[in-house]
Amino acid sequence: MPGPGAHSRRDPARGRFLGRKVTRLPWQAPRTAYLFTAAVAAGDKAAADALWDGLGDAEQADVLTALGAQAKTATTATWRTGTALGDDHARRFGAEACEKALAAMTALLADPPVPWELPQCSHCRKLLATAIASFSVLLARQRGLSAEVFAHSCRETAAAAART
């Protein structure tokens, strides 16, 4: 299991991410993931696009890993409150994305983490990020949080990470 600050690692022989250190400062990928999720929750497509489009491939992989961790945390909190979850969200996402992106989503949300491959298509990477962030928003709404409150919480968490 990766230590603190280790979100994923790429196995060059397989092109898979397994536990590599983040490419920027350790808090940058989770911070960006929270800001991206806040933009998705607020319905601000322009802000989400601007955040995502400013990232390189390695940074996108780090943010996808952080988004997966956020969704797993939200899933754990939702299960604790007794809310049942289906896989409709993954099915809807799968209808729009390539098979590699769907496999990456499944791997990113798996517990324990499993190896995954970064989709080559930039459209599918953005779709993957949006789907995972939307899944976190859906989980928050199932716990009774409005999208606005959840977006605010994500922005506050991102701001706190920037101060540390």
N, C-alpha and C. Protein backbone atom coordinates (compact mmCIF):
# COMPACT_ATOMS: atom_id res chain seq x y z
N MET A 1 0.85 -1.18 0.00
CA MET A 1 0.00 0.00 0.00
C MET A 1 0.89 1.23 0.00
N PRO A 2 0.60 2.23 -0.85
CA PRO A 2 1.43 3.42 -0.94
C PRO A 2 1.40 4.22 0.36
N GLY A 3 2.50 4.90 0.64
CA GLY A 3 2.60 5.74 1.83
C GLY A 3 2.02 7.12 1.59
N PRO A 4 2.20 8.02 2.56
CA PRO A 4 1.67 9.38 2.43
C PRO A 4 2.25 10.07 1.20
N GLY A 5 1.42 10.76 0.48
CA GLY A 5 1.86 11.49 -0.70
C GLY A 5 2.03 10.61 -1.93
N ALA A 6 1.83 9.32 -1.80
CA ALA A 6 1.95 8.42 -2.95
C ALA A 6 0.55 8.05 -3.40
N HIS A 7 0.19 8.50 -4.57
CA HIS A 7 -1.16 8.24 -5.06
C HIS A 7 -1.17 7.15 -6.11
N SER A 8 -0.17 7.12 -6.94
CA SER A 8 -0.12 6.08 -7.95
C SER A 8 1.32 5.96 -8.43
N ARG A 9 1.63 4.84 -9.02
CA ARG A 9 2.96 4.62 -9.57
C ARG A 9 2.77 3.94 -10.91
N ARG A 10 3.52 4.39 -11.91
CA ARG A 10 3.36 3.81 -13.23
C ARG A 10 4.37 2.69 -13.43
N ASP A 11 3.88 1.58 -13.87
CA ASP A 11 4.73 0.46 -14.24
C ASP A 11 4.99 0.61 -15.73
N PRO A 12 6.18 1.11 -16.15
CA PRO A 12 6.42 1.43 -17.56
C PRO A 12 6.24 0.22 -18.48
N ALA A 13 6.53 -0.96 -17.98
CA ALA A 13 6.40 -2.15 -18.81
C ALA A 13 4.95 -2.41 -19.20
N ARG A 14 4.03 -2.01 -18.36
CA ARG A 14 2.61 -2.29 -18.61
C ARG A 14 1.80 -1.03 -18.89
N GLY A 15 2.38 0.16 -18.64
CA GLY A 15 1.63 1.38 -18.82
C GLY A 15 0.51 1.51 -17.81
N ARG A 16 0.69 0.95 -16.62
CA ARG A 16 -0.35 0.99 -15.59
C ARG A 16 0.13 1.83 -14.41
N PHE A 17 -0.83 2.36 -13.67
CA PHE A 17 -0.53 3.18 -12.51
C PHE A 17 -0.77 2.35 -11.27
N LEU A 18 0.25 2.29 -10.39
CA LEU A 18 0.16 1.40 -9.24
C LEU A 18 0.42 2.08 -7.90
N GLY A 19 1.08 3.20 -7.85
CA GLY A 19 1.38 3.83 -6.57
C GLY A 19 2.47 4.86 -6.69
N ARG A 20 2.61 5.52 -7.81
CA ARG A 20 3.66 6.48 -8.11
C ARG A 20 3.44 7.76 -7.32
N LYS A 21 4.54 8.42 -6.98
CA LYS A 21 4.44 9.72 -6.33
C LYS A 21 3.77 10.71 -7.27
N VAL A 22 3.05 11.65 -6.72
CA VAL A 22 2.40 12.64 -7.55
C VAL A 22 3.46 13.48 -8.25
N THR A 23 3.09 14.07 -9.40
CA THR A 23 4.06 14.80 -10.19
C THR A 23 4.33 16.20 -9.66
N ARG A 24 3.42 16.76 -8.92
CA ARG A 24 3.62 18.09 -8.33
C ARG A 24 3.75 17.91 -6.82
N LEU A 25 3.55 18.98 -6.08
CA LEU A 25 3.57 18.88 -4.63
C LEU A 25 2.53 17.86 -4.19
N PRO A 26 2.77 17.13 -3.08
CA PRO A 26 1.86 16.06 -2.68
C PRO A 26 0.40 16.46 -2.57
N TRP A 27 0.10 17.69 -2.19
CA TRP A 27 -1.29 18.09 -2.02
C TRP A 27 -1.92 18.60 -3.31
N GLN A 28 -1.13 18.82 -4.37
CA GLN A 28 -1.67 19.47 -5.57
C GLN A 28 -2.73 18.62 -6.28
N ALA A 29 -2.49 17.33 -6.45
CA ALA A 29 -3.48 16.50 -7.14
C ALA A 29 -4.79 16.41 -6.35
N PRO A 30 -4.74 16.12 -5.04
CA PRO A 30 -6.01 16.11 -4.29
C PRO A 30 -6.69 17.48 -4.29
N ARG A 31 -5.91 18.54 -4.20
CA ARG A 31 -6.47 19.89 -4.21
C ARG A 31 -7.18 20.15 -5.55
N THR A 32 -6.52 19.82 -6.64
CA THR A 32 -7.12 19.99 -7.97
C THR A 32 -8.36 19.13 -8.10
N ALA A 33 -8.32 17.91 -7.56
CA ALA A 33 -9.48 17.03 -7.61
C ALA A 33 -10.65 17.63 -6.86
N TYR A 34 -10.40 18.23 -5.70
CA TYR A 34 -11.48 18.86 -4.95
C TYR A 34 -12.05 20.06 -5.71
N LEU A 35 -11.18 20.86 -6.33
CA LEU A 35 -11.67 22.00 -7.11
C LEU A 35 -12.47 21.54 -8.32
N PHE A 36 -12.00 20.47 -8.96
CA PHE A 36 -12.72 19.91 -10.10
C PHE A 36 -14.10 19.40 -9.66
N THR A 37 -14.13 18.67 -8.55
CA THR A 37 -15.40 18.15 -8.03
C THR A 37 -16.33 19.30 -7.65
N ALA A 38 -15.79 20.37 -7.07
CA ALA A 38 -16.60 21.54 -6.73
C ALA A 38 -17.23 22.14 -7.99
N ALA A 39 -16.44 22.23 -9.06
CA ALA A 39 -16.96 22.79 -10.31
C ALA A 39 -18.06 21.89 -10.88
N VAL A 40 -17.86 20.57 -10.82
CA VAL A 40 -18.88 19.64 -11.31
C VAL A 40 -20.14 19.76 -10.45
N ALA A 41 -19.97 19.82 -9.14
CA ALA A 41 -21.12 19.92 -8.24
C ALA A 41 -21.91 21.21 -8.48
N ALA A 42 -21.18 22.29 -8.77
CA ALA A 42 -21.83 23.58 -9.00
C ALA A 42 -22.38 23.70 -10.42
N GLY A 43 -22.11 22.71 -11.26
CA GLY A 43 -22.57 22.78 -12.64
C GLY A 43 -21.79 23.77 -13.48
N ASP A 44 -20.57 24.10 -13.06
CA ASP A 44 -19.73 25.08 -13.75
C ASP A 44 -18.80 24.35 -14.72
N LYS A 45 -19.32 24.02 -15.88
CA LYS A 45 -18.55 23.27 -16.88
C LYS A 45 -17.31 24.03 -17.33
N ALA A 46 -17.40 25.34 -17.45
CA ALA A 46 -16.26 26.14 -17.89
C ALA A 46 -15.10 26.03 -16.89
N ALA A 47 -15.42 26.10 -15.59
CA ALA A 47 -14.37 25.99 -14.57
C ALA A 47 -13.77 24.58 -14.56
N ALA A 48 -14.62 23.56 -14.69
CA ALA A 48 -14.11 22.19 -14.72
C ALA A 48 -13.22 21.98 -15.94
N ASP A 49 -13.65 22.49 -17.09
CA ASP A 49 -12.85 22.36 -18.31
C ASP A 49 -11.52 23.09 -18.18
N ALA A 50 -11.54 24.28 -17.61
CA ALA A 50 -10.30 25.06 -17.45
C ALA A 50 -9.32 24.33 -16.53
N LEU A 51 -9.82 23.78 -15.44
CA LEU A 51 -8.95 23.02 -14.54
C LEU A 51 -8.35 21.81 -15.25
N TRP A 52 -9.20 21.05 -15.91
CA TRP A 52 -8.75 19.81 -16.55
C TRP A 52 -7.81 20.08 -17.72
N ASP A 53 -8.16 21.05 -18.55
CA ASP A 53 -7.38 21.33 -19.76
C ASP A 53 -6.00 21.89 -19.43
N GLY A 54 -5.81 22.40 -18.22
CA GLY A 54 -4.50 22.92 -17.81
C GLY A 54 -3.55 21.85 -17.30
N LEU A 55 -3.98 20.59 -17.30
CA LEU A 55 -3.16 19.50 -16.77
C LEU A 55 -2.51 18.70 -17.89
N GLY A 56 -1.27 18.26 -17.65
CA GLY A 56 -0.61 17.34 -18.57
C GLY A 56 -1.07 15.92 -18.29
N ASP A 57 -0.62 14.98 -19.10
CA ASP A 57 -1.04 13.58 -18.95
C ASP A 57 -0.73 13.02 -17.56
N ALA A 58 0.49 13.23 -17.07
CA ALA A 58 0.87 12.69 -15.75
C ALA A 58 0.05 13.35 -14.65
N GLU A 59 -0.19 14.64 -14.77
CA GLU A 59 -1.00 15.34 -13.78
C GLU A 59 -2.45 14.86 -13.83
N GLN A 60 -2.96 14.59 -15.02
CA GLN A 60 -4.31 14.05 -15.13
C GLN A 60 -4.41 12.69 -14.44
N ALA A 61 -3.38 11.87 -14.59
CA ALA A 61 -3.36 10.57 -13.91
C ALA A 61 -3.41 10.75 -12.40
N ASP A 62 -2.64 11.73 -11.90
CA ASP A 62 -2.63 12.00 -10.45
C ASP A 62 -4.01 12.47 -9.98
N VAL A 63 -4.63 13.36 -10.74
CA VAL A 63 -5.94 13.88 -10.36
C VAL A 63 -7.00 12.78 -10.44
N LEU A 64 -6.92 11.92 -11.44
CA LEU A 64 -7.85 10.80 -11.52
C LEU A 64 -7.71 9.90 -10.30
N THR A 65 -6.49 9.65 -9.88
CA THR A 65 -6.26 8.84 -8.69
C THR A 65 -6.86 9.52 -7.46
N ALA A 66 -6.66 10.83 -7.35
CA ALA A 66 -7.23 11.58 -6.22
C ALA A 66 -8.76 11.58 -6.27
N LEU A 67 -9.33 11.71 -7.46
CA LEU A 67 -10.79 11.66 -7.60
C LEU A 67 -11.31 10.30 -7.17
N GLY A 68 -10.59 9.23 -7.54
CA GLY A 68 -10.99 7.89 -7.12
C GLY A 68 -10.96 7.75 -5.60
N ALA A 69 -9.93 8.32 -4.98
CA ALA A 69 -9.83 8.27 -3.51
C ALA A 69 -10.98 9.04 -2.87
N GLN A 70 -11.32 10.21 -3.43
CA GLN A 70 -12.46 10.98 -2.91
C GLN A 70 -13.75 10.17 -3.00
N ALA A 71 -13.96 9.56 -4.15
CA ALA A 71 -15.20 8.78 -4.33
C ALA A 71 -15.24 7.60 -3.38
N LYS A 72 -14.09 6.95 -3.14
CA LYS A 72 -14.07 5.83 -2.20
C LYS A 72 -14.38 6.31 -0.79
N THR A 73 -13.87 7.48 -0.42
CA THR A 73 -14.16 8.05 0.89
C THR A 73 -15.66 8.36 1.01
N ALA A 74 -16.21 8.95 -0.04
CA ALA A 74 -17.65 9.25 -0.04
C ALA A 74 -18.48 7.97 0.01
N THR A 75 -18.02 6.94 -0.69
CA THR A 75 -18.73 5.66 -0.67
C THR A 75 -18.75 5.07 0.72
N THR A 76 -17.60 5.12 1.40
CA THR A 76 -17.52 4.61 2.77
C THR A 76 -18.48 5.36 3.68
N ALA A 77 -18.50 6.69 3.57
CA ALA A 77 -19.41 7.49 4.40
C ALA A 77 -20.87 7.18 4.07
N THR A 78 -21.16 6.96 2.81
CA THR A 78 -22.54 6.65 2.42
C THR A 78 -22.96 5.30 2.96
N TRP A 79 -22.08 4.31 2.86
CA TRP A 79 -22.42 2.99 3.38
C TRP A 79 -22.65 3.04 4.89
N ARG A 80 -21.89 3.88 5.58
CA ARG A 80 -22.06 4.00 7.03
C ARG A 80 -23.44 4.55 7.38
N THR A 81 -23.99 5.37 6.48
CA THR A 81 -25.31 5.94 6.77
C THR A 81 -26.43 5.02 6.28
N GLY A 82 -26.07 3.89 5.71
CA GLY A 82 -27.06 2.91 5.30
C GLY A 82 -27.72 3.16 3.96
N THR A 83 -27.15 4.06 3.14
CA THR A 83 -27.72 4.33 1.83
C THR A 83 -27.26 3.26 0.85
N ALA A 84 -28.20 2.66 0.14
CA ALA A 84 -27.85 1.64 -0.85
C ALA A 84 -27.36 2.30 -2.13
N LEU A 85 -26.34 1.72 -2.74
CA LEU A 85 -25.79 2.25 -3.98
C LEU A 85 -25.93 1.22 -5.08
N GLY A 86 -26.29 1.68 -6.25
CA GLY A 86 -26.33 0.80 -7.42
C GLY A 86 -25.18 1.13 -8.34
N ASP A 87 -25.11 0.42 -9.46
CA ASP A 87 -24.04 0.71 -10.41
C ASP A 87 -24.59 1.40 -11.65
N ASP A 88 -25.73 2.07 -11.54
CA ASP A 88 -26.31 2.80 -12.66
C ASP A 88 -25.37 3.88 -13.16
N HIS A 89 -24.68 4.55 -12.24
CA HIS A 89 -23.78 5.63 -12.63
C HIS A 89 -22.69 5.10 -13.55
N ALA A 90 -22.09 3.97 -13.18
CA ALA A 90 -21.04 3.38 -14.02
C ALA A 90 -21.60 2.94 -15.37
N ARG A 91 -22.81 2.43 -15.38
CA ARG A 91 -23.43 2.01 -16.64
C ARG A 91 -23.67 3.21 -17.56
N ARG A 92 -24.17 4.31 -17.00
CA ARG A 92 -24.39 5.51 -17.82
C ARG A 92 -23.09 6.03 -18.38
N PHE A 93 -22.04 6.05 -17.57
CA PHE A 93 -20.73 6.50 -18.00
C PHE A 93 -20.20 5.59 -19.10
N GLY A 94 -20.37 4.28 -18.92
CA GLY A 94 -19.85 3.30 -19.87
C GLY A 94 -20.45 3.44 -21.26
N ALA A 95 -21.65 3.99 -21.35
CA ALA A 95 -22.29 4.16 -22.65
C ALA A 95 -21.60 5.25 -23.47
N GLU A 96 -20.87 6.16 -22.81
CA GLU A 96 -20.25 7.29 -23.51
C GLU A 96 -18.75 7.15 -23.67
N ALA A 97 -18.10 6.26 -22.97
CA ALA A 97 -16.64 6.21 -22.93
C ALA A 97 -16.11 4.93 -23.57
N CYS A 98 -14.83 4.97 -23.87
CA CYS A 98 -14.18 3.78 -24.41
C CYS A 98 -14.04 2.73 -23.31
N GLU A 99 -13.78 1.51 -23.70
CA GLU A 99 -13.69 0.40 -22.74
C GLU A 99 -12.55 0.62 -21.74
N LYS A 100 -11.44 1.20 -22.21
CA LYS A 100 -10.29 1.44 -21.32
C LYS A 100 -10.66 2.44 -20.22
N ALA A 101 -11.47 3.44 -20.56
CA ALA A 101 -11.90 4.42 -19.55
C ALA A 101 -12.82 3.78 -18.53
N LEU A 102 -13.71 2.92 -18.98
CA LEU A 102 -14.62 2.23 -18.07
C LEU A 102 -13.83 1.30 -17.14
N ALA A 103 -12.82 0.61 -17.69
CA ALA A 103 -11.97 -0.25 -16.86
C ALA A 103 -11.20 0.58 -15.84
N ALA A 104 -10.73 1.77 -16.25
CA ALA A 104 -10.01 2.65 -15.31
C ALA A 104 -10.94 3.11 -14.20
N MET A 105 -12.19 3.45 -14.53
CA MET A 105 -13.14 3.87 -13.50
C MET A 105 -13.37 2.76 -12.49
N THR A 106 -13.57 1.55 -12.98
CA THR A 106 -13.78 0.41 -12.09
C THR A 106 -12.57 0.20 -11.19
N ALA A 107 -11.37 0.31 -11.75
CA ALA A 107 -10.14 0.12 -10.97
C ALA A 107 -9.95 1.24 -9.95
N LEU A 108 -10.22 2.48 -10.35
CA LEU A 108 -10.03 3.61 -9.45
C LEU A 108 -10.98 3.56 -8.26
N LEU A 109 -12.16 2.98 -8.46
CA LEU A 109 -13.13 2.90 -7.38
C LEU A 109 -13.02 1.60 -6.58
N ALA A 110 -12.11 0.71 -7.00
CA ALA A 110 -11.95 -0.57 -6.32
C ALA A 110 -11.26 -0.38 -4.97
N ASP A 111 -11.61 -1.24 -4.05
CA ASP A 111 -10.96 -1.23 -2.74
C ASP A 111 -10.66 -2.67 -2.37
N PRO A 112 -9.42 -3.07 -2.29
CA PRO A 112 -8.21 -2.26 -2.40
C PRO A 112 -7.94 -1.85 -3.85
N PRO A 113 -7.04 -0.84 -4.02
CA PRO A 113 -6.73 -0.35 -5.37
C PRO A 113 -6.17 -1.46 -6.26
N VAL A 114 -6.48 -1.38 -7.52
CA VAL A 114 -5.95 -2.31 -8.50
C VAL A 114 -5.28 -1.52 -9.62
N PRO A 115 -4.34 -2.13 -10.35
CA PRO A 115 -3.68 -1.41 -11.45
C PRO A 115 -4.69 -0.93 -12.49
N TRP A 116 -4.38 0.21 -13.10
CA TRP A 116 -5.25 0.75 -14.13
C TRP A 116 -4.41 1.45 -15.18
N GLU A 117 -4.97 1.60 -16.35
CA GLU A 117 -4.29 2.26 -17.45
C GLU A 117 -4.97 3.58 -17.77
N LEU A 118 -4.15 4.60 -18.01
CA LEU A 118 -4.67 5.91 -18.38
C LEU A 118 -5.20 5.84 -19.81
N PRO A 119 -6.47 6.16 -20.02
CA PRO A 119 -7.00 6.16 -21.40
C PRO A 119 -6.20 7.14 -22.27
N GLN A 120 -5.93 6.75 -23.48
CA GLN A 120 -5.13 7.59 -24.39
C GLN A 120 -5.91 8.78 -24.92
N CYS A 121 -7.20 8.63 -25.07
CA CYS A 121 -8.05 9.67 -25.62
C CYS A 121 -8.31 10.76 -24.56
N SER A 122 -7.97 12.00 -24.88
CA SER A 122 -8.16 13.08 -23.91
C SER A 122 -9.65 13.26 -23.58
N HIS A 123 -10.51 13.03 -24.55
CA HIS A 123 -11.95 13.12 -24.30
C HIS A 123 -12.38 12.11 -23.25
N CYS A 124 -11.88 10.88 -23.35
CA CYS A 124 -12.26 9.84 -22.38
C CYS A 124 -11.67 10.11 -21.00
N ARG A 125 -10.47 10.71 -20.94
CA ARG A 125 -9.89 11.05 -19.63
C ARG A 125 -10.75 12.11 -18.94
N LYS A 126 -11.18 13.12 -19.69
CA LYS A 126 -12.03 14.16 -19.10
C LYS A 126 -13.38 13.58 -18.71
N LEU A 127 -13.92 12.73 -19.54
CA LEU A 127 -15.19 12.07 -19.24
C LEU A 127 -15.06 11.21 -17.99
N LEU A 128 -13.94 10.52 -17.85
CA LEU A 128 -13.67 9.70 -16.66
C LEU A 128 -13.62 10.57 -15.41
N ALA A 129 -12.89 11.68 -15.49
CA ALA A 129 -12.80 12.59 -14.34
C ALA A 129 -14.18 13.14 -13.98
N THR A 130 -14.94 13.54 -14.97
CA THR A 130 -16.27 14.09 -14.72
C THR A 130 -17.19 13.04 -14.13
N ALA A 131 -17.09 11.82 -14.62
CA ALA A 131 -17.94 10.74 -14.10
C ALA A 131 -17.63 10.43 -12.64
N ILE A 132 -16.35 10.39 -12.30
CA ILE A 132 -15.98 10.08 -10.91
C ILE A 132 -16.39 11.24 -10.00
N ALA A 133 -16.16 12.48 -10.44
CA ALA A 133 -16.58 13.64 -9.64
C ALA A 133 -18.10 13.64 -9.48
N SER A 134 -18.82 13.33 -10.56
CA SER A 134 -20.29 13.28 -10.50
C SER A 134 -20.76 12.19 -9.54
N PHE A 135 -20.02 11.09 -9.50
CA PHE A 135 -20.34 10.01 -8.58
C PHE A 135 -20.21 10.49 -7.13
N SER A 136 -19.16 11.27 -6.84
CA SER A 136 -19.00 11.84 -5.50
C SER A 136 -20.15 12.77 -5.16
N VAL A 137 -20.56 13.58 -6.14
CA VAL A 137 -21.69 14.50 -5.93
C VAL A 137 -22.96 13.69 -5.66
N LEU A 138 -23.17 12.64 -6.44
CA LEU A 138 -24.34 11.79 -6.24
C LEU A 138 -24.35 11.19 -4.83
N LEU A 139 -23.19 10.72 -4.38
CA LEU A 139 -23.10 10.15 -3.04
C LEU A 139 -23.39 11.20 -1.96
N ALA A 140 -22.89 12.42 -2.17
CA ALA A 140 -23.15 13.50 -1.21
C ALA A 140 -24.64 13.81 -1.15
N ARG A 141 -25.28 13.82 -2.30
CA ARG A 141 -26.73 14.09 -2.34
C ARG A 141 -27.51 12.98 -1.65
N GLN A 142 -27.03 11.74 -1.78
CA GLN A 142 -27.69 10.63 -1.09
C GLN A 142 -27.54 10.75 0.42
N ARG A 143 -26.49 11.44 0.87
CA ARG A 143 -26.32 11.67 2.31
C ARG A 143 -27.08 12.91 2.77
N GLY A 144 -27.78 13.58 1.85
CA GLY A 144 -28.59 14.72 2.23
C GLY A 144 -27.93 16.07 2.01
N LEU A 145 -26.75 16.12 1.39
CA LEU A 145 -26.09 17.40 1.13
C LEU A 145 -26.56 17.93 -0.22
N SER A 146 -26.82 19.21 -0.29
CA SER A 146 -27.16 19.81 -1.58
C SER A 146 -25.87 19.93 -2.40
N ALA A 147 -26.02 20.06 -3.70
CA ALA A 147 -24.85 20.22 -4.57
C ALA A 147 -24.08 21.49 -4.20
N GLU A 148 -24.78 22.54 -3.82
CA GLU A 148 -24.13 23.80 -3.46
C GLU A 148 -23.29 23.64 -2.19
N VAL A 149 -23.85 22.97 -1.20
CA VAL A 149 -23.12 22.76 0.05
C VAL A 149 -21.91 21.86 -0.20
N PHE A 150 -22.09 20.83 -1.01
CA PHE A 150 -20.98 19.93 -1.31
C PHE A 150 -19.88 20.66 -2.08
N ALA A 151 -20.27 21.50 -3.06
CA ALA A 151 -19.28 22.28 -3.81
C ALA A 151 -18.50 23.20 -2.88
N HIS A 152 -19.21 23.86 -1.96
CA HIS A 152 -18.56 24.74 -0.99
C HIS A 152 -17.58 23.94 -0.12
N SER A 153 -18.00 22.78 0.34
CA SER A 153 -17.14 21.93 1.15
C SER A 153 -15.87 21.52 0.39
N CYS A 154 -16.03 21.19 -0.89
CA CYS A 154 -14.87 20.82 -1.71
C CYS A 154 -13.91 22.00 -1.88
N ARG A 155 -14.47 23.20 -2.12
CA ARG A 155 -13.61 24.39 -2.25
C ARG A 155 -12.88 24.70 -0.95
N GLU A 156 -13.56 24.54 0.18
CA GLU A 156 -12.93 24.76 1.48
C GLU A 156 -11.80 23.75 1.74
N THR A 157 -12.03 22.50 1.38
CA THR A 157 -11.00 21.48 1.56
C THR A 157 -9.80 21.78 0.67
N ALA A 158 -10.04 22.22 -0.56
CA ALA A 158 -8.95 22.59 -1.46
C ALA A 158 -8.17 23.78 -0.92
N ALA A 159 -8.87 24.76 -0.37
CA ALA A 159 -8.20 25.94 0.19
C ALA A 159 -7.37 25.55 1.41
N ALA A 160 -7.89 24.68 2.24
CA ALA A 160 -7.14 24.21 3.40
C ALA A 160 -5.89 23.47 2.98
N ALA A 161 -5.97 22.67 1.92
CA ALA A 161 -4.81 21.93 1.44
C ALA A 161 -3.75 22.89 0.93
N ALA A 162 -4.15 24.01 0.34
CA ALA A 162 -3.19 24.98 -0.18
C ALA A 162 -2.45 25.70 0.95
N ARG A 163 -3.07 25.78 2.12
CA ARG A 163 -2.45 26.47 3.26
C ARG A 163 -1.46 25.59 4.00
N THR A 164 -1.52 24.27 3.78
CA THR A 164 -0.63 23.38 4.54
C THR A 164 0.69 23.21 3.88
